[in-house]
Amino acid sequence: MNNYFENIKDKCNLVAETFDLPVFFINPIGDVIYENLMNQSLNPLYENQTEKFFNPLNFRPSRANSFPVIKKSVFSEKFILISIFNHEVFEGTVVTGPL
């Protein structure tokens, strides 16, 4: 893993540990590159696969946003989505939550 993704991992861990919230980094094709669940389990109503965890959010991993987005799942859970760019190239999305 290169230094850029190590930096993303460190920032994800900082958010997770500071706010005691799960944090995920999803690349533009939908692969979960990094996750920190903070010893929490995923909602049991979701299928037991992390990639499908985001389906109730209507989350499209290829969509980049120029500002943080707050989304509410069909189960009324709230998530913060932040697009990450490296030299103006969309690298993926940090998903924090549920809040």
PDB file of N, CA and C in Angstrom:
ATOM      1  N   MET A   1       0.857  -1.179   0.000  1.00  0.00           N
ATOM      2  CA  MET A   1       0.000   0.000   0.000  1.00  0.00           C
ATOM      3  C   MET A   1       0.899   1.236   0.000  1.00  0.00           C
ATOM      4  N   ASN A   2       0.606   2.196  -0.866  1.00  0.00           N
ATOM      5  CA  ASN A   2       1.476   3.360  -0.959  1.00  0.00           C
ATOM      6  C   ASN A   2       1.190   4.361   0.166  1.00  0.00           C
ATOM      7  N   ASN A   3       2.033   5.373   0.247  1.00  0.00           N
ATOM      8  CA  ASN A   3       1.906   6.373   1.315  1.00  0.00           C
ATOM      9  C   ASN A   3       0.579   7.107   1.269  1.00  0.00           C
ATOM     10  N   TYR A   4       0.043   7.340   0.072  1.00  0.00           N
ATOM     11  CA  TYR A   4      -1.232   8.042  -0.033  1.00  0.00           C
ATOM     12  C   TYR A   4      -2.333   7.272   0.687  1.00  0.00           C
ATOM     13  N   PHE A   5      -2.417   5.956   0.437  1.00  0.00           N
ATOM     14  CA  PHE A   5      -3.457   5.169   1.087  1.00  0.00           C
ATOM     15  C   PHE A   5      -3.167   4.943   2.565  1.00  0.00           C
ATOM     16  N   GLU A   6      -1.913   4.933   2.950  1.00  0.00           N
ATOM     17  CA  GLU A   6      -1.576   4.887   4.378  1.00  0.00           C
ATOM     18  C   GLU A   6      -2.086   6.159   5.064  1.00  0.00           C
ATOM     19  N   ASN A   7      -1.967   7.277   4.383  1.00  0.00           N
ATOM     20  CA  ASN A   7      -2.460   8.547   4.899  1.00  0.00           C
ATOM     21  C   ASN A   7      -3.984   8.508   5.047  1.00  0.00           C
ATOM     22  N   ILE A   8      -4.680   7.957   4.057  1.00  0.00           N
ATOM     23  CA  ILE A   8      -6.147   7.805   4.136  1.00  0.00           C
ATOM     24  C   ILE A   8      -6.506   6.911   5.320  1.00  0.00           C
ATOM     25  N   LYS A   9      -5.796   5.809   5.470  1.00  0.00           N
ATOM     26  CA  LYS A   9      -6.045   4.885   6.579  1.00  0.00           C
ATOM     27  C   LYS A   9      -5.853   5.588   7.920  1.00  0.00           C
ATOM     28  N   ASP A  10      -4.787   6.355   8.055  1.00  0.00           N
ATOM     29  CA  ASP A  10      -4.533   7.072   9.306  1.00  0.00           C
ATOM     30  C   ASP A  10      -5.639   8.073   9.606  1.00  0.00           C
ATOM     31  N   LYS A  11      -6.102   8.782   8.577  1.00  0.00           N
ATOM     32  CA  LYS A  11      -7.179   9.760   8.781  1.00  0.00           C
ATOM     33  C   LYS A  11      -8.494   9.073   9.118  1.00  0.00           C
ATOM     34  N   CYS A  12      -8.772   7.944   8.484  1.00  0.00           N
ATOM     35  CA  CYS A  12      -9.985   7.179   8.803  1.00  0.00           C
ATOM     36  C   CYS A  12      -9.938   6.710  10.260  1.00  0.00           C
ATOM     37  N   ASN A  13      -8.778   6.214  10.687  1.00  0.00           N
ATOM     38  CA  ASN A  13      -8.636   5.776  12.078  1.00  0.00           C
ATOM     39  C   ASN A  13      -8.804   6.932  13.044  1.00  0.00           C
ATOM     40  N   LEU A  14      -8.287   8.100  12.702  1.00  0.00           N
ATOM     41  CA  LEU A  14      -8.424   9.269  13.561  1.00  0.00           C
ATOM     42  C   LEU A  14      -9.899   9.624  13.754  1.00  0.00           C
ATOM     43  N   VAL A  15     -10.659   9.641  12.669  1.00  0.00           N
ATOM     44  CA  VAL A  15     -12.097   9.942  12.764  1.00  0.00           C
ATOM     45  C   VAL A  15     -12.813   8.864  13.575  1.00  0.00           C
ATOM     46  N   ALA A  16     -12.518   7.598  13.287  1.00  0.00           N
ATOM     47  CA  ALA A  16     -13.179   6.493  13.982  1.00  0.00           C
ATOM     48  C   ALA A  16     -12.917   6.537  15.480  1.00  0.00           C
ATOM     49  N   GLU A  17     -11.666   6.753  15.854  1.00  0.00           N
ATOM     50  CA  GLU A  17     -11.308   6.736  17.267  1.00  0.00           C
ATOM     51  C   GLU A  17     -11.766   7.998  17.996  1.00  0.00           C
ATOM     52  N   THR A  18     -11.770   9.137  17.314  1.00  0.00           N
ATOM     53  CA  THR A  18     -12.185  10.386  17.947  1.00  0.00           C
ATOM     54  C   THR A  18     -13.680  10.398  18.223  1.00  0.00           C
ATOM     55  N   PHE A  19     -14.463   9.937  17.257  1.00  0.00           N
ATOM     56  CA  PHE A  19     -15.923  10.018  17.387  1.00  0.00           C
ATOM     57  C   PHE A  19     -16.578   8.683  17.702  1.00  0.00           C
ATOM     58  N   ASP A  20     -15.776   7.626  17.831  1.00  0.00           N
ATOM     59  CA  ASP A  20     -16.281   6.285  18.132  1.00  0.00           C
ATOM     60  C   ASP A  20     -17.350   5.863  17.117  1.00  0.00           C
ATOM     61  N   LEU A  21     -17.005   6.052  15.831  1.00  0.00           N
ATOM     62  CA  LEU A  21     -17.918   5.711  14.743  1.00  0.00           C
ATOM     63  C   LEU A  21     -17.214   4.824  13.727  1.00  0.00           C
ATOM     64  N   PRO A  22     -17.950   3.929  13.091  1.00  0.00           N
ATOM     65  CA  PRO A  22     -17.358   3.148  12.013  1.00  0.00           C
ATOM     66  C   PRO A  22     -16.988   4.052  10.834  1.00  0.00           C
ATOM     67  N   VAL A  23     -15.874   3.738  10.177  1.00  0.00           N
ATOM     68  CA  VAL A  23     -15.413   4.497   9.019  1.00  0.00           C
ATOM     69  C   VAL A  23     -14.969   3.505   7.947  1.00  0.00           C
ATOM     70  N   PHE A  24     -15.356   3.793   6.709  1.00  0.00           N
ATOM     71  CA  PHE A  24     -15.000   2.956   5.568  1.00  0.00           C
ATOM     72  C   PHE A  24     -14.383   3.839   4.492  1.00  0.00           C
ATOM     73  N   PHE A  25     -13.459   3.263   3.708  1.00  0.00           N
ATOM     74  CA  PHE A  25     -12.973   3.939   2.514  1.00  0.00           C
ATOM     75  C   PHE A  25     -13.316   3.045   1.333  1.00  0.00           C
ATOM     76  N   ILE A  26     -14.107   3.594   0.408  1.00  0.00           N
ATOM     77  CA  ILE A  26     -14.613   2.837  -0.735  1.00  0.00           C
ATOM     78  C   ILE A  26     -14.008   3.420  -2.009  1.00  0.00           C
ATOM     79  N   ASN A  27     -13.417   2.577  -2.841  1.00  0.00           N
ATOM     80  CA  ASN A  27     -12.854   3.093  -4.092  1.00  0.00           C
ATOM     81  C   ASN A  27     -13.972   3.309  -5.114  1.00  0.00           C
ATOM     82  N   PRO A  28     -13.692   3.969  -6.235  1.00  0.00           N
ATOM     83  CA  PRO A  28     -14.746   4.301  -7.202  1.00  0.00           C
ATOM     84  C   PRO A  28     -15.442   3.105  -7.848  1.00  0.00           C
ATOM     85  N   ILE A  29     -14.866   1.918  -7.772  1.00  0.00           N
ATOM     86  CA  ILE A  29     -15.570   0.759  -8.338  1.00  0.00           C
ATOM     87  C   ILE A  29     -16.359  -0.007  -7.276  1.00  0.00           C
ATOM     88  N   GLY A  30     -16.332   0.476  -6.035  1.00  0.00           N
ATOM     89  CA  GLY A  30     -17.169  -0.101  -4.987  1.00  0.00           C
ATOM     90  C   GLY A  30     -16.487  -1.069  -4.048  1.00  0.00           C
ATOM     91  N   ASP A  31     -15.180  -1.238  -4.182  1.00  0.00           N
ATOM     92  CA  ASP A  31     -14.457  -2.126  -3.271  1.00  0.00           C
ATOM     93  C   ASP A  31     -14.166  -1.404  -1.962  1.00  0.00           C
ATOM     94  N   VAL A  32     -14.357  -2.111  -0.858  1.00  0.00           N
ATOM     95  CA  VAL A  32     -14.011  -1.563   0.447  1.00  0.00           C
ATOM     96  C   VAL A  32     -12.503  -1.729   0.613  1.00  0.00           C
ATOM     97  N   ILE A  33     -11.782  -0.609   0.563  1.00  0.00           N
ATOM     98  CA  ILE A  33     -10.324  -0.625   0.661  1.00  0.00           C
ATOM     99  C   ILE A  33      -9.892  -0.676   2.121  1.00  0.00           C
ATOM    100  N   TYR A  34     -10.654  -0.021   2.974  1.00  0.00           N
ATOM    101  CA  TYR A  34     -10.312   0.011   4.393  1.00  0.00           C
ATOM    102  C   TYR A  34     -11.592   0.157   5.206  1.00  0.00           C
ATOM    103  N   GLU A  35     -11.631  -0.480   6.349  1.00  0.00           N
ATOM    104  CA  GLU A  35     -12.755  -0.304   7.276  1.00  0.00           C
ATOM    105  C   GLU A  35     -12.249  -0.355   8.705  1.00  0.00           C
ATOM    106  N   ASN A  36     -12.869   0.438   9.543  1.00  0.00           N
ATOM    107  CA  ASN A  36     -12.626   0.418  10.984  1.00  0.00           C
ATOM    108  C   ASN A  36     -14.005   0.470  11.622  1.00  0.00           C
ATOM    109  N   LEU A  37     -14.470  -0.665  12.113  1.00  0.00           N
ATOM    110  CA  LEU A  37     -15.822  -0.756  12.675  1.00  0.00           C
ATOM    111  C   LEU A  37     -15.900  -0.353  14.137  1.00  0.00           C
ATOM    112  N   MET A  38     -14.765  -0.026  14.749  1.00  0.00           N
ATOM    113  CA  MET A  38     -14.747   0.375  16.165  1.00  0.00           C
ATOM    114  C   MET A  38     -15.438  -0.669  17.050  1.00  0.00           C
ATOM    115  N   ASN A  39     -15.155  -1.930  16.778  1.00  0.00           N
ATOM    116  CA  ASN A  39     -15.706  -3.053  17.552  1.00  0.00           C
ATOM    117  C   ASN A  39     -17.226  -3.089  17.544  1.00  0.00           C
ATOM    118  N   GLN A  40     -17.839  -2.504  16.529  1.00  0.00           N
ATOM    119  CA  GLN A  40     -19.285  -2.544  16.369  1.00  0.00           C
ATOM    120  C   GLN A  40     -19.610  -3.525  15.258  1.00  0.00           C
ATOM    121  N   SER A  41     -20.784  -4.097  15.310  1.00  0.00           N
ATOM    122  CA  SER A  41     -21.200  -4.984  14.231  1.00  0.00           C
ATOM    123  C   SER A  41     -22.091  -4.202  13.276  1.00  0.00           C
ATOM    124  N   LEU A  42     -22.168  -4.691  12.050  1.00  0.00           N
ATOM    125  CA  LEU A  42     -23.050  -4.065  11.083  1.00  0.00           C
ATOM    126  C   LEU A  42     -24.500  -4.350  11.463  1.00  0.00           C
ATOM    127  N   ASN A  43     -25.383  -3.508  11.009  1.00  0.00           N
ATOM    128  CA  ASN A  43     -26.812  -3.683  11.268  1.00  0.00           C
ATOM    129  C   ASN A  43     -27.227  -5.085  10.837  1.00  0.00           C
ATOM    130  N   PRO A  44     -27.872  -5.857  11.712  1.00  0.00           N
ATOM    131  CA  PRO A  44     -28.244  -7.234  11.353  1.00  0.00           C
ATOM    132  C   PRO A  44     -29.290  -7.305  10.243  1.00  0.00           C
ATOM    133  N   LEU A  45     -29.947  -6.189   9.928  1.00  0.00           N
ATOM    134  CA  LEU A  45     -30.915  -6.189   8.840  1.00  0.00           C
ATOM    135  C   LEU A  45     -30.236  -6.174   7.476  1.00  0.00           C
ATOM    136  N   TYR A  46     -28.949  -5.822   7.439  1.00  0.00           N
ATOM    137  CA  TYR A  46     -28.198  -5.845   6.197  1.00  0.00           C
ATOM    138  C   TYR A  46     -27.690  -7.246   5.949  1.00  0.00           C
ATOM    139  N   GLU A  47     -27.443  -7.546   4.685  1.00  0.00           N
ATOM    140  CA  GLU A  47     -26.787  -8.805   4.377  1.00  0.00           C
ATOM    141  C   GLU A  47     -25.389  -8.774   4.984  1.00  0.00           C
ATOM    142  N   ASN A  48     -24.838  -9.923   5.252  1.00  0.00           N
ATOM    143  CA  ASN A  48     -23.560 -10.001   5.957  1.00  0.00           C
ATOM    144  C   ASN A  48     -22.371  -9.814   5.016  1.00  0.00           C
ATOM    145  N   GLN A  49     -22.440  -8.800   4.173  1.00  0.00           N
ATOM    146  CA  GLN A  49     -21.335  -8.463   3.286  1.00  0.00           C
ATOM    147  C   GLN A  49     -21.181  -6.951   3.311  1.00  0.00           C
ATOM    148  N   THR A  50     -19.967  -6.496   3.566  1.00  0.00           N
ATOM    149  CA  THR A  50     -19.735  -5.060   3.704  1.00  0.00           C
ATOM    150  C   THR A  50     -20.141  -4.298   2.456  1.00  0.00           C
ATOM    151  N   GLU A  51     -19.838  -4.830   1.255  1.00  0.00           N
ATOM    152  CA  GLU A  51     -20.172  -4.117   0.030  1.00  0.00           C
ATOM    153  C   GLU A  51     -21.680  -3.881  -0.084  1.00  0.00           C
ATOM    154  N   LYS A  52     -22.499  -4.821   0.368  1.00  0.00           N
ATOM    155  CA  LYS A  52     -23.952  -4.675   0.292  1.00  0.00           C
ATOM    156  C   LYS A  52     -24.497  -3.811   1.430  1.00  0.00           C
ATOM    157  N   PHE A  53     -23.656  -3.522   2.404  1.00  0.00           N
ATOM    158  CA  PHE A  53     -24.024  -2.669   3.528  1.00  0.00           C
ATOM    159  C   PHE A  53     -24.465  -1.288   3.052  1.00  0.00           C
ATOM    160  N   PHE A  54     -23.949  -0.832   1.908  1.00  0.00           N
ATOM    161  CA  PHE A  54     -24.227   0.510   1.415  1.00  0.00           C
ATOM    162  C   PHE A  54     -25.419   0.581   0.472  1.00  0.00           C
ATOM    163  N   ASN A  55     -26.011  -0.539   0.089  1.00  0.00           N
ATOM    164  CA  ASN A  55     -27.159  -0.524  -0.811  1.00  0.00           C
ATOM    165  C   ASN A  55     -28.339   0.282  -0.268  1.00  0.00           C
ATOM    166  N   PRO A  56     -28.693   0.171   1.025  1.00  0.00           N
ATOM    167  CA  PRO A  56     -29.827   0.961   1.520  1.00  0.00           C
ATOM    168  C   PRO A  56     -29.594   2.469   1.514  1.00  0.00           C
ATOM    169  N   LEU A  57     -28.349   2.897   1.270  1.00  0.00           N
ATOM    170  CA  LEU A  57     -28.051   4.330   1.194  1.00  0.00           C
ATOM    171  C   LEU A  57     -28.228   4.885  -0.211  1.00  0.00           C
ATOM    172  N   ASN A  58     -28.454   3.999  -1.177  1.00  0.00           N
ATOM    173  CA  ASN A  58     -28.457   4.416  -2.578  1.00  0.00           C
ATOM    174  C   ASN A  58     -27.125   5.094  -2.901  1.00  0.00           C
ATOM    175  N   PHE A  59     -26.061   4.507  -2.402  1.00  0.00           N
ATOM    176  CA  PHE A  59     -24.698   5.027  -2.549  1.00  0.00           C
ATOM    177  C   PHE A  59     -24.097   4.527  -3.845  1.00  0.00           C
ATOM    178  N   ARG A  60     -23.605   5.446  -4.664  1.00  0.00           N
ATOM    179  CA  ARG A  60     -22.913   5.085  -5.896  1.00  0.00           C
ATOM    180  C   ARG A  60     -21.437   5.439  -5.727  1.00  0.00           C
ATOM    181  N   PRO A  61     -20.576   4.438  -5.619  1.00  0.00           N
ATOM    182  CA  PRO A  61     -19.160   4.703  -5.334  1.00  0.00           C
ATOM    183  C   PRO A  61     -18.443   5.498  -6.411  1.00  0.00           C
ATOM    184  N   SER A  62     -18.946   5.491  -7.631  1.00  0.00           N
ATOM    185  CA  SER A  62     -18.281   6.221  -8.710  1.00  0.00           C
ATOM    186  C   SER A  62     -18.638   7.710  -8.718  1.00  0.00           C
ATOM    187  N   ARG A  63     -19.598   8.103  -7.898  1.00  0.00           N
ATOM    188  CA  ARG A  63     -20.026   9.506  -7.867  1.00  0.00           C
ATOM    189  C   ARG A  63     -19.151  10.303  -6.905  1.00  0.00           C
ATOM    190  N   ALA A  64     -18.497  11.325  -7.438  1.00  0.00           N
ATOM    191  CA  ALA A  64     -17.679  12.220  -6.613  1.00  0.00           C
ATOM    192  C   ALA A  64     -18.496  13.460  -6.271  1.00  0.00           C
ATOM    193  N   ASN A  65     -18.340  13.927  -5.046  1.00  0.00           N
ATOM    194  CA  ASN A  65     -19.008  15.145  -4.596  1.00  0.00           C
ATOM    195  C   ASN A  65     -17.955  16.163  -4.184  1.00  0.00           C
ATOM    196  N   SER A  66     -18.220  17.415  -4.442  1.00  0.00           N
ATOM    197  CA  SER A  66     -17.257  18.457  -4.091  1.00  0.00           C
ATOM    198  C   SER A  66     -17.448  18.958  -2.667  1.00  0.00           C
ATOM    199  N   PHE A  67     -18.365  18.341  -1.933  1.00  0.00           N
ATOM    200  CA  PHE A  67     -18.651  18.731  -0.553  1.00  0.00           C
ATOM    201  C   PHE A  67     -19.135  17.497   0.201  1.00  0.00           C
ATOM    202  N   PRO A  68     -19.052  17.484   1.532  1.00  0.00           N
ATOM    203  CA  PRO A  68     -19.559  16.344   2.304  1.00  0.00           C
ATOM    204  C   PRO A  68     -21.077  16.198   2.132  1.00  0.00           C
ATOM    205  N   VAL A  69     -21.533  14.964   2.090  1.00  0.00           N
ATOM    206  CA  VAL A  69     -22.944  14.661   1.912  1.00  0.00           C
ATOM    207  C   VAL A  69     -23.419  13.846   3.106  1.00  0.00           C
ATOM    208  N   ILE A  70     -24.575  14.194   3.637  1.00  0.00           N
ATOM    209  CA  ILE A  70     -25.205  13.409   4.703  1.00  0.00           C
ATOM    210  C   ILE A  70     -26.361  12.652   4.083  1.00  0.00           C
ATOM    211  N   LYS A  71     -26.339  11.328   4.235  1.00  0.00           N
ATOM    212  CA  LYS A  71     -27.391  10.483   3.670  1.00  0.00           C
ATOM    213  C   LYS A  71     -28.078   9.728   4.794  1.00  0.00           C
ATOM    214  N   LYS A  72     -29.338   9.424   4.573  1.00  0.00           N
ATOM    215  CA  LYS A  72     -30.134   8.655   5.524  1.00  0.00           C
ATOM    216  C   LYS A  72     -30.528   7.341   4.849  1.00  0.00           C
ATOM    217  N   SER A  73     -30.282   6.238   5.536  1.00  0.00           N
ATOM    218  CA  SER A  73     -30.605   4.928   4.967  1.00  0.00           C
ATOM    219  C   SER A  73     -32.097   4.659   5.099  1.00  0.00           C
ATOM    220  N   VAL A  74     -32.528   3.580   4.468  1.00  0.00           N
ATOM    221  CA  VAL A  74     -33.937   3.185   4.583  1.00  0.00           C
ATOM    222  C   VAL A  74     -34.273   2.768   6.011  1.00  0.00           C
ATOM    223  N   PHE A  75     -33.242   2.542   6.834  1.00  0.00           N
ATOM    224  CA  PHE A  75     -33.442   2.177   8.237  1.00  0.00           C
ATOM    225  C   PHE A  75     -33.258   3.381   9.158  1.00  0.00           C
ATOM    226  N   SER A  76     -33.268   4.596   8.582  1.00  0.00           N
ATOM    227  CA  SER A  76     -33.143   5.875   9.313  1.00  0.00           C
ATOM    228  C   SER A  76     -31.779   6.060   9.975  1.00  0.00           C
ATOM    229  N   GLU A  77     -30.762   5.382   9.483  1.00  0.00           N
ATOM    230  CA  GLU A  77     -29.402   5.605   9.959  1.00  0.00           C
ATOM    231  C   GLU A  77     -28.790   6.711   9.109  1.00  0.00           C
ATOM    232  N   LYS A  78     -27.977   7.540   9.728  1.00  0.00           N
ATOM    233  CA  LYS A  78     -27.369   8.650   9.011  1.00  0.00           C
ATOM    234  C   LYS A  78     -25.880   8.385   8.805  1.00  0.00           C
ATOM    235  N   PHE A  79     -25.382   8.751   7.623  1.00  0.00           N
ATOM    236  CA  PHE A  79     -23.998   8.552   7.242  1.00  0.00           C
ATOM    237  C   PHE A  79     -23.463   9.841   6.634  1.00  0.00           C
ATOM    238  N   ILE A  80     -22.167  10.079   6.810  1.00  0.00           N
ATOM    239  CA  ILE A  80     -21.497  11.203   6.168  1.00  0.00           C
ATOM    240  C   ILE A  80     -20.582  10.628   5.093  1.00  0.00           C
ATOM    241  N   LEU A  81     -20.698  11.152   3.884  1.00  0.00           N
ATOM    242  CA  LEU A  81     -19.881  10.711   2.758  1.00  0.00           C
ATOM    243  C   LEU A  81     -18.989  11.866   2.328  1.00  0.00           C
ATOM    244  N   ILE A  82     -17.690  11.600   2.254  1.00  0.00           N
ATOM    245  CA  ILE A  82     -16.723  12.619   1.855  1.00  0.00           C
ATOM    246  C   ILE A  82     -15.872  12.050   0.722  1.00  0.00           C
ATOM    247  N   SER A  83     -15.928  12.702  -0.433  1.00  0.00           N
ATOM    248  CA  SER A  83     -15.125  12.286  -1.586  1.00  0.00           C
ATOM    249  C   SER A  83     -13.678  12.707  -1.373  1.00  0.00           C
ATOM    250  N   ILE A  84     -12.765  11.815  -1.733  1.00  0.00           N
ATOM    251  CA  ILE A  84     -11.336  12.063  -1.568  1.00  0.00           C
ATOM    252  C   ILE A  84     -10.696  12.194  -2.949  1.00  0.00           C
ATOM    253  N   PHE A  85      -9.935  13.266  -3.116  1.00  0.00           N
ATOM    254  CA  PHE A  85      -9.247  13.532  -4.370  1.00  0.00           C
ATOM    255  C   PHE A  85      -7.740  13.586  -4.113  1.00  0.00           C
ATOM    256  N   ASN A  86      -6.978  13.109  -5.087  1.00  0.00           N
ATOM    257  CA  ASN A  86      -5.523  13.178  -5.047  1.00  0.00           C
ATOM    258  C   ASN A  86      -5.086  13.860  -6.334  1.00  0.00           C
ATOM    259  N   HIS A  87      -4.621  15.095  -6.233  1.00  0.00           N
ATOM    260  CA  HIS A  87      -4.243  15.872  -7.409  1.00  0.00           C
ATOM    261  C   HIS A  87      -5.397  15.929  -8.408  1.00  0.00           C
ATOM    262  N   GLU A  88      -6.573  16.238  -7.905  1.00  0.00           N
ATOM    263  CA  GLU A  88      -7.803  16.400  -8.685  1.00  0.00           C
ATOM    264  C   GLU A  88      -8.321  15.101  -9.303  1.00  0.00           C
ATOM    265  N   VAL A  89      -7.785  13.957  -8.902  1.00  0.00           N
ATOM    266  CA  VAL A  89      -8.276  12.653  -9.366  1.00  0.00           C
ATOM    267  C   VAL A  89      -9.089  12.039  -8.234  1.00  0.00           C
ATOM    268  N   PHE A  90     -10.329  11.644  -8.530  1.00  0.00           N
ATOM    269  CA  PHE A  90     -11.206  11.036  -7.544  1.00  0.00           C
ATOM    270  C   PHE A  90     -10.675   9.668  -7.147  1.00  0.00           C
ATOM    271  N   GLU A  91     -10.335   9.504  -5.857  1.00  0.00           N
ATOM    272  CA  GLU A  91      -9.752   8.256  -5.359  1.00  0.00           C
ATOM    273  C   GLU A  91     -10.781   7.364  -4.676  1.00  0.00           C
ATOM    274  N   GLY A  92     -11.860   7.951  -4.168  1.00  0.00           N
ATOM    275  CA  GLY A  92     -12.865   7.161  -3.474  1.00  0.00           C
ATOM    276  C   GLY A  92     -13.610   8.010  -2.462  1.00  0.00           C
ATOM    277  N   THR A  93     -14.372   7.326  -1.601  1.00  0.00           N
ATOM    278  CA  THR A  93     -15.232   8.005  -0.644  1.00  0.00           C
ATOM    279  C   THR A  93     -15.023   7.452   0.751  1.00  0.00           C
ATOM    280  N   VAL A  94     -14.910   8.362   1.698  1.00  0.00           N
ATOM    281  CA  VAL A  94     -14.897   7.983   3.116  1.00  0.00           C
ATOM    282  C   VAL A  94     -16.350   8.011   3.577  1.00  0.00           C
ATOM    283  N   VAL A  95     -16.817   6.890   4.091  1.00  0.00           N
ATOM    284  CA  VAL A  95     -18.182   6.787   4.621  1.00  0.00           C
ATOM    285  C   VAL A  95     -18.071   6.627   6.120  1.00  0.00           C
ATOM    286  N   THR A  96     -18.670   7.557   6.861  1.00  0.00           N
ATOM    287  CA  THR A  96     -18.645   7.521   8.318  1.00  0.00           C
ATOM    288  C   THR A  96     -20.048   7.273   8.819  1.00  0.00           C
ATOM    289  N   GLY A  97     -20.177   6.308   9.710  1.00  0.00           N
ATOM    290  CA  GLY A  97     -21.484   6.047  10.293  1.00  0.00           C
ATOM    291  C   GLY A  97     -21.789   4.572  10.355  1.00  0.00           C
ATOM    292  N   PRO A  98     -22.931   4.282  10.874  1.00  0.00           N
ATOM    293  CA  PRO A  98     -24.055   5.180  11.118  1.00  0.00           C
ATOM    294  C   PRO A  98     -23.842   6.070  12.333  1.00  0.00           C
ATOM    295  N   LEU A  99     -24.415   7.278  12.225  1.00  0.00           N
ATOM    296  CA  LEU A  99     -24.350   8.256  13.309  1.00  0.00           C
ATOM    297  C   LEU A  99     -25.439   7.970  14.315  1.00  0.00           C
TER     298      LEU A  99
END
